[in-house]
Protein backbone atom coordinates (compact mmCIF):
# COMPACT_ATOMS: atom_id res chain seq x y z
CA MET A 1 86.21 -61.93 62.90
CA ASP A 2 87.45 -61.52 59.43
CA LYS A 3 84.50 -59.15 58.39
CA VAL A 4 85.49 -57.40 55.80
CA SER A 5 83.87 -53.68 54.96
CA VAL A 6 83.91 -53.06 51.05
CA ILE A 7 83.11 -49.33 50.79
CA VAL A 8 81.50 -48.26 47.35
CA PRO A 9 80.96 -44.48 46.26
CA VAL A 10 78.46 -44.27 43.80
CA TYR A 11 77.81 -41.28 41.69
CA ASN A 12 75.40 -41.55 38.19
CA ALA A 13 76.50 -45.00 37.76
CA GLU A 14 73.50 -47.12 36.99
CA ASP A 15 74.51 -48.91 34.00
CA TYR A 16 77.39 -50.74 36.00
CA LEU A 17 76.17 -50.72 39.02
CA PRO A 18 74.40 -54.04 39.24
CA LYS A 19 77.39 -55.96 37.93
CA SER A 20 79.56 -54.21 40.40
CA ILE A 21 77.34 -54.78 43.13
CA GLU A 22 76.54 -58.56 42.54
CA SER A 23 80.31 -59.37 41.85
CA LEU A 24 80.59 -58.06 45.86
CA MET A 25 77.92 -60.59 46.70
CA ASN A 26 78.49 -63.56 45.39
CA GLN A 27 82.07 -63.50 47.54
CA THR A 28 83.64 -66.82 48.28
CA HIS A 29 84.53 -64.74 51.54
CA GLU A 30 80.59 -64.29 52.74
CA ASN A 31 81.35 -62.23 55.80
CA ILE A 32 81.39 -58.95 54.43
CA GLU A 33 79.16 -55.61 54.60
CA ILE A 34 78.62 -53.64 51.49
CA ILE A 35 78.83 -49.64 51.99
CA LEU A 36 77.27 -48.53 49.43
CA VAL A 37 77.41 -44.60 49.21
CA ASP A 38 75.37 -42.77 46.74
CA ASP A 39 77.17 -39.29 46.18
CA GLY A 40 73.76 -37.02 45.20
CA SER A 41 73.18 -39.72 41.63
CA LYS A 42 71.25 -37.58 39.57
CA ASP A 43 70.32 -40.64 37.55
CA HIS A 44 68.53 -44.23 39.26
CA SER A 45 71.66 -45.21 41.48
CA LEU A 46 70.00 -45.02 44.72
CA SER A 47 66.93 -47.01 43.52
CA ILE A 48 69.21 -50.14 42.56
CA CYS A 49 71.47 -49.33 45.68
CA GLU A 50 68.36 -49.51 47.98
CA SER A 51 66.70 -52.74 45.98
CA TYR A 52 70.13 -54.55 46.14
CA ALA A 53 69.64 -53.81 50.07
CA ASN A 54 66.60 -55.39 49.90
CA GLN A 55 67.73 -58.34 48.50
CA ASP A 56 70.89 -58.79 51.17
CA SER A 57 71.39 -57.63 54.50
CA ARG A 58 74.66 -57.49 53.96
CA ILE A 59 74.50 -54.10 51.95
CA LYS A 60 74.82 -50.66 53.80
CA VAL A 61 72.87 -48.01 51.80
CA HIS A 62 73.72 -44.28 52.65
CA SER A 63 73.56 -41.13 50.91
CA ILE A 64 74.32 -37.72 50.76
CA LYS A 65 73.99 -34.68 48.97
CA ASN A 66 76.83 -34.09 45.90
CA SER A 67 80.11 -33.59 47.66
CA GLY A 68 82.42 -35.74 45.96
CA VAL A 69 84.28 -39.37 45.96
CA SER A 70 86.43 -38.73 48.98
CA ALA A 71 83.62 -37.08 51.04
CA ALA A 72 81.89 -40.51 49.92
CA ARG A 73 85.01 -42.70 50.93
CA ASN A 74 85.50 -40.93 54.43
CA LEU A 75 81.86 -41.71 55.51
CA GLY A 76 82.38 -44.93 54.17
CA ILE A 77 85.45 -45.52 56.77
CA ASP A 78 83.26 -44.05 59.68
CA VAL A 79 80.57 -46.27 59.65
CA ALA A 80 82.45 -49.45 58.67
CA THR A 81 82.32 -52.33 61.03
CA GLY A 82 84.85 -54.68 59.63
CA GLU A 83 88.13 -56.03 61.09
CA TYR A 84 89.41 -54.79 57.55
CA ILE A 85 88.58 -52.43 54.84
CA THR A 86 88.35 -52.50 50.91
CA PHE A 87 87.22 -49.93 48.45
CA VAL A 88 85.74 -50.92 45.00
CA ASP A 89 84.41 -48.08 42.21
CA SER A 90 80.80 -48.37 41.41
CA ASP A 91 81.56 -49.44 37.33
CA ASP A 92 84.35 -51.79 38.51
CA TRP A 93 83.62 -55.25 39.59
CA ALA A 94 85.73 -58.18 41.41
CA GLU A 95 86.99 -61.88 40.72
CA THR A 96 84.56 -63.97 43.30
CA ASN A 97 87.82 -65.00 45.01
CA MET A 98 89.36 -61.45 45.23
CA LEU A 99 88.33 -60.83 49.21
CA GLU A 100 89.20 -64.60 50.14
CA HIS A 101 92.56 -64.16 48.78
CA ALA A 102 93.12 -60.66 50.17
CA VAL A 103 92.07 -61.78 53.69
CA ALA A 104 94.11 -65.05 53.71
CA ASN A 105 97.17 -63.44 52.61
CA ILE A 106 96.93 -60.54 54.84
CA LYS A 107 96.55 -62.93 57.58
CA GLN A 108 99.13 -65.17 56.99
CA THR A 109 101.79 -62.03 56.19
CA GLY A 110 100.70 -60.52 59.27
CA SER A 111 100.89 -57.05 56.89
CA ASP A 112 99.22 -53.90 57.88
CA LEU A 113 97.97 -53.85 54.19
CA VAL A 114 98.00 -55.67 51.49
CA ILE A 115 97.83 -55.06 47.27
CA TRP A 116 97.22 -57.61 44.49
CA SER A 117 96.62 -57.08 40.89
CA TYR A 118 93.86 -56.17 38.17
CA LEU A 119 92.62 -56.47 34.62
CA LYS A 120 92.13 -53.42 32.73
CA ASN A 121 88.68 -53.61 30.90
CA TYR A 122 88.65 -51.82 27.82
CA TYR A 123 84.57 -52.59 25.59
CA ASN A 124 86.60 -54.68 23.21
CA LYS A 125 89.51 -56.43 25.10
CA GLU A 126 91.20 -56.93 28.92
CA VAL A 127 94.40 -56.74 29.57
CA LYS A 128 96.10 -58.41 32.47
CA LEU A 129 98.50 -56.04 34.42
CA SER A 130 100.28 -56.15 37.57
CA LEU A 131 100.11 -53.25 39.84
CA ILE A 132 103.94 -53.95 40.90
CA PRO A 133 106.56 -55.11 38.53
CA GLY A 134 108.22 -57.95 40.18
CA GLY A 135 106.22 -60.42 41.97
CA ASP A 136 104.85 -61.18 45.11
CA GLN A 137 106.82 -59.25 47.97
CA ILE A 138 106.73 -57.89 51.30
CA PHE A 139 108.05 -54.29 51.73
CA GLU A 140 109.11 -53.22 55.39
CA ASP A 141 112.11 -51.26 55.68
CA ASP A 142 112.45 -49.97 52.43
CA LYS A 143 109.46 -48.62 50.65
CA SER A 144 111.04 -46.56 47.99
CA LEU A 145 109.43 -48.95 45.25
CA LEU A 146 105.94 -47.63 46.53
CA TYR A 147 106.48 -44.15 46.73
CA LEU A 148 107.82 -43.75 43.36
CA LYS A 149 104.66 -46.07 41.59
CA THR A 150 102.77 -44.00 43.50
CA ILE A 151 103.57 -40.25 43.03
CA TYR A 152 104.38 -41.99 39.26
CA GLY A 153 102.87 -45.08 38.02
CA ARG A 154 104.90 -45.40 34.77
CA TYR A 155 108.29 -44.91 36.90
CA SER A 156 110.48 -48.10 36.44
CA GLU A 157 109.12 -49.14 33.83
CA GLN A 158 111.41 -50.73 30.46
CA GLU A 159 108.91 -48.53 28.40
CA VAL A 160 105.82 -46.25 28.30
CA THR A 161 102.46 -48.86 29.64
CA GLU A 162 98.78 -48.38 30.07
CA GLY A 163 99.40 -49.16 33.89
CA VAL A 164 98.05 -46.90 36.51
CA SER A 165 99.20 -45.38 39.69
CA VAL A 166 100.05 -48.68 42.65
CA GLY A 167 98.09 -45.18 45.06
CA THR A 168 95.06 -46.59 43.43
CA THR A 169 92.13 -46.86 45.68
CA TRP A 170 91.25 -49.80 44.54
CA CYS A 171 93.14 -53.53 44.77
CA LYS A 172 94.43 -52.80 48.72
CA LEU A 173 93.17 -54.44 51.96
CA TYR A 174 93.49 -52.32 55.20
CA LYS A 175 93.41 -53.57 58.43
CA THR A 176 90.61 -51.18 59.75
CA ASP A 177 92.13 -50.13 63.00
CA PHE A 178 95.34 -49.11 60.59
CA ILE A 179 93.37 -46.74 59.28
CA ARG A 180 91.81 -45.18 61.96
CA LYS A 181 94.54 -45.09 64.53
CA ASN A 182 96.41 -43.11 61.62
CA ASN A 183 93.66 -41.24 61.17
CA LEU A 184 93.62 -41.50 57.06
CA LYS A 185 91.50 -39.82 55.22
CA PHE A 186 90.28 -38.61 51.65
CA ASN A 187 91.48 -35.32 51.17
CA PRO A 188 87.91 -33.33 49.13
CA VAL A 189 90.03 -30.74 48.15
CA LEU A 190 91.19 -33.26 45.79
CA THR A 191 89.46 -33.68 42.58
CA ARG A 192 92.30 -36.18 41.02
CA ALA A 193 94.46 -38.81 42.34
CA GLN A 194 92.92 -38.09 45.74
CA ASP A 195 93.43 -41.90 46.08
CA THR A 196 97.21 -41.64 45.89
CA ILE A 197 97.73 -39.18 48.94
CA PHE A 198 95.57 -41.71 50.99
CA SER A 199 97.93 -44.03 50.00
CA ILE A 200 101.51 -42.70 50.07
CA HIS A 201 100.46 -42.01 53.64
CA ALA A 202 99.26 -45.32 54.49
CA PHE A 203 102.39 -46.90 52.75
CA SER A 204 104.63 -44.51 54.76
CA TYR A 205 102.75 -45.68 58.20
CA ALA A 206 102.36 -49.71 57.75
CA LYS A 207 105.07 -51.57 59.34
CA LYS A 208 104.45 -54.22 56.99
CA ILE A 209 102.83 -54.32 53.46
CA SER A 210 102.51 -57.71 51.35
CA PHE A 211 102.19 -57.75 47.02
CA PHE A 212 100.80 -60.78 45.96
CA ASP A 213 100.36 -60.91 42.23
CA GLU A 214 97.49 -62.36 41.07
CA SER A 215 94.49 -59.98 39.26
CA LEU A 216 91.55 -59.92 40.76
CA TYR A 217 89.78 -56.83 40.14
CA HIS A 218 88.26 -55.62 37.06
CA TYR A 219 88.74 -51.62 36.08
CA ARG A 220 86.59 -50.41 33.40
CA ILE A 221 87.52 -47.64 31.48
CA SER A 222 84.55 -45.64 30.26
CA ASN A 223 83.23 -42.34 30.15
CA SER A 224 81.70 -42.80 33.78
CA SER A 225 84.86 -44.15 35.33
CA THR A 226 85.72 -42.40 38.04
CA THR A 227 88.93 -41.26 36.77
CA SER A 228 87.61 -40.49 33.41
CA GLY A 229 86.20 -38.05 31.60
CA THR A 230 86.85 -34.39 31.00
CA ARG A 231 84.57 -32.33 33.04
CA PHE A 232 85.00 -28.73 32.83
CA ILE A 233 86.34 -27.18 36.26
CA THR A 234 86.52 -23.78 36.73
CA ASP A 235 89.54 -23.90 39.30
CA THR A 236 91.57 -26.65 38.52
CA HIS A 237 94.74 -24.68 40.39
CA SER A 238 93.37 -24.80 44.07
CA PRO A 239 92.84 -29.03 43.79
CA PHE A 240 95.72 -29.99 41.24
CA ASN A 241 98.38 -27.35 42.69
CA THR A 242 96.74 -28.58 45.92
CA LEU A 243 98.38 -32.37 45.06
CA LEU A 244 101.27 -31.17 43.90
CA ASN A 245 101.73 -29.31 47.37
CA GLU A 246 101.25 -32.79 49.01
CA TYR A 247 103.63 -35.05 46.87
CA SER A 248 106.62 -32.11 47.20
CA SER A 249 105.88 -32.17 50.69
CA PHE A 250 105.78 -35.83 51.32
CA ILE A 251 109.19 -36.49 49.48
CA GLN A 252 111.54 -33.86 50.99
CA GLY A 253 113.94 -35.38 53.58
CA LYS A 254 113.51 -38.53 52.07
CA ASP A 255 116.57 -41.08 51.29
CA ASN A 256 116.09 -41.38 47.62
CA PHE A 257 115.00 -37.94 47.21
CA GLU A 258 116.99 -37.35 43.92
CA LYS A 259 114.80 -40.54 41.99
CA LEU A 260 111.23 -38.72 44.29
CA GLN A 261 112.34 -36.13 42.04
CA VAL A 262 112.16 -37.51 38.80
CA ALA A 263 108.83 -39.05 39.93
CA PHE A 264 107.71 -35.65 40.80
CA ASN A 265 108.72 -33.88 37.77
CA ALA A 266 106.66 -36.36 35.46
CA ARG A 267 103.91 -35.93 37.58
CA THR A 268 103.98 -32.73 37.59
CA ILE A 269 103.62 -32.67 33.81
CA GLN A 270 101.05 -35.26 33.96
CA VAL A 271 98.86 -32.86 36.31
CA LEU A 272 100.02 -29.41 33.61
CA LEU A 273 98.18 -31.55 30.63
CA TRP A 274 94.93 -31.74 33.31
CA HIS A 275 94.58 -28.71 34.19
CA LEU A 276 94.73 -27.53 29.90
CA GLU A 277 92.32 -30.70 29.68
CA HIS A 278 89.88 -29.24 32.25
CA TYR A 279 89.76 -26.17 31.54
CA TYR A 280 91.84 -23.91 29.60
CA PHE A 281 91.30 -26.50 26.12
CA HIS A 282 88.00 -27.22 27.10
CA GLU A 283 85.45 -26.46 24.65
CA ARG A 284 83.89 -24.60 28.10
CA TYR A 285 86.26 -22.27 28.12
CA SER A 286 85.34 -19.29 27.00
CA LYS A 287 87.67 -16.40 27.54
CA GLY A 288 89.13 -16.22 23.80
CA ILE A 289 92.25 -17.56 21.95
CA TRP A 290 94.84 -14.48 23.04
CA ASN A 291 93.60 -15.02 27.24
CA ARG A 292 93.84 -19.00 26.96
CA ARG A 293 97.67 -18.14 25.69
CA LYS A 294 98.33 -15.44 28.12
CA GLU A 295 97.12 -17.55 31.25
CA ILE A 296 98.91 -20.34 29.95
CA LYS A 297 101.80 -19.12 29.56
CA ASN A 298 101.35 -17.81 32.96
CA LEU A 299 101.06 -21.14 34.15
CA ILE A 300 104.07 -22.64 32.99
CA ILE A 301 106.60 -19.87 34.45
CA ALA A 302 105.39 -20.39 37.60
CA GLU A 303 106.79 -23.66 40.17
CA PRO A 304 106.87 -26.29 39.85
CA TYR A 305 105.85 -26.12 36.44
CA LYS A 306 108.57 -24.35 35.22
CA THR A 307 111.08 -26.97 36.74
CA ALA A 308 108.94 -29.73 35.57
CA LEU A 309 109.45 -28.86 31.97
CA SER A 310 113.11 -27.71 32.46
CA ASP A 311 114.20 -31.36 34.03
CA VAL A 312 111.58 -34.00 33.12
CA ASP A 313 113.14 -37.09 32.02
CA VAL A 314 110.68 -36.91 28.58
CA ARG A 315 111.58 -41.21 28.50
CA LEU A 316 109.14 -41.65 31.07
CA LEU A 317 106.24 -39.88 29.49
CA PRO A 318 103.49 -41.18 26.97
CA LYS A 319 103.29 -39.74 23.75
CA LYS A 320 100.71 -36.63 24.04
CA GLU A 321 102.49 -35.73 27.66
CA LYS A 322 106.19 -35.92 25.66
CA VAL A 323 104.89 -33.95 22.63
CA MET A 324 103.37 -31.28 25.32
CA SER A 325 106.29 -30.79 27.04
CA LYS A 326 108.77 -30.54 23.99
CA LEU A 327 106.30 -27.52 22.65
CA LEU A 328 105.67 -25.84 26.11
CA LYS A 329 109.13 -25.82 27.29
CA ARG A 330 109.57 -23.52 23.92
CA LYS A 331 106.40 -21.53 24.97
CA ARG A 332 104.19 -23.09 22.09
CA VAL A 333 101.20 -23.10 23.38
CA LEU A 334 99.28 -22.10 20.62
CA THR A 335 100.74 -24.85 18.12
CA PHE A 336 99.90 -27.64 21.00
CA TYR A 337 96.30 -26.07 21.26
CA TYR A 338 95.50 -26.75 17.61
CA ILE A 339 97.79 -29.94 17.80
CA VAL A 340 94.84 -31.38 20.34
CA LEU A 341 92.30 -29.68 18.65
CA LEU A 342 93.06 -31.61 15.56
CA HIS A 343 93.32 -34.72 17.09
CA SER A 344 90.48 -34.29 18.83
CA LYS A 345 88.25 -33.78 15.90
CA LEU A 346 90.28 -36.78 14.32
CA GLU A 347 89.26 -39.13 17.18
CA LYS A 348 85.83 -38.04 16.93
CA ILE A 349 85.43 -39.29 13.08
CA ARG A 350 87.52 -42.22 14.04
CA LYS A 351 84.60 -42.86 16.52
CA ARG A 352 81.54 -42.38 14.33
CA ARG A 353 82.87 -44.79 12.39
CA PHE A 354 83.02 -47.50 14.55
CA ASP A 355 80.10 -46.73 16.33
């Protein structure tokens, strides 16, 4: 009993994978299975996974053709044999007592899932962060705070912080039966924030959710992080618009719709920036400056971007998104483009100076 299935999607993570796996092997809660799903890695990740599996019978390795992190996590859910499921990213790591504390909490509270806090690890510093403000708490009838901070992680913060959405995949332990009974799966169409859609539906189905404010998970910030980087996406409309449609459908008819709409507008501005970073402002965009300007103008007059630019509470936005929203609201597309270009060049100079 009390077996925990730890699902780890793996893609080109050879530099960080050993530390991640060993942090799980060394858990004080020993009744676990570590499900490593290699998503068609092109480096030595798969051989690293297999090497550790030869050392520890609790490690199970699965290899799939590159299909994305959602497909990898869904496979993990399908093959999990534990009473509980948790997710860990392959470039992150856990405190050795993370699962012990999570299992104790879910049993003590009788919750469908438990949530805990984390540490954000940069190359030169570590920042301790609470995933939910207000300390330890139980959510049963009123889950509005969870919904708001899943849709937009900075909602309700006194100032713009470096925190993440409470809908992140990690820092959660689920009852396996709860996941399967509600047919919770990750949407493979989504290329970013797919974890928030999984989580927001899990929150809505759960009868009881517990949060304990202990930072037990290490979220690494690096170029290989699951959520970092600016890869070129030729079709940003399909995944990003699908994501916003999921949020929009979810908030319709909710009692606190007005607050949820505020969070949705802020998230829409964030997604608008993703369109620019992953396609329109990307160095691999090849259609020329005037096509760039025309296509972005067409994007920002379409919903929900038009309403978000008009109505967003800019106090919720970090500096870059605040500048973007003000300029794009005035259709100053090229002005923002050249600001971003200049900032990017200055960043490269700064990095060379400190490398």
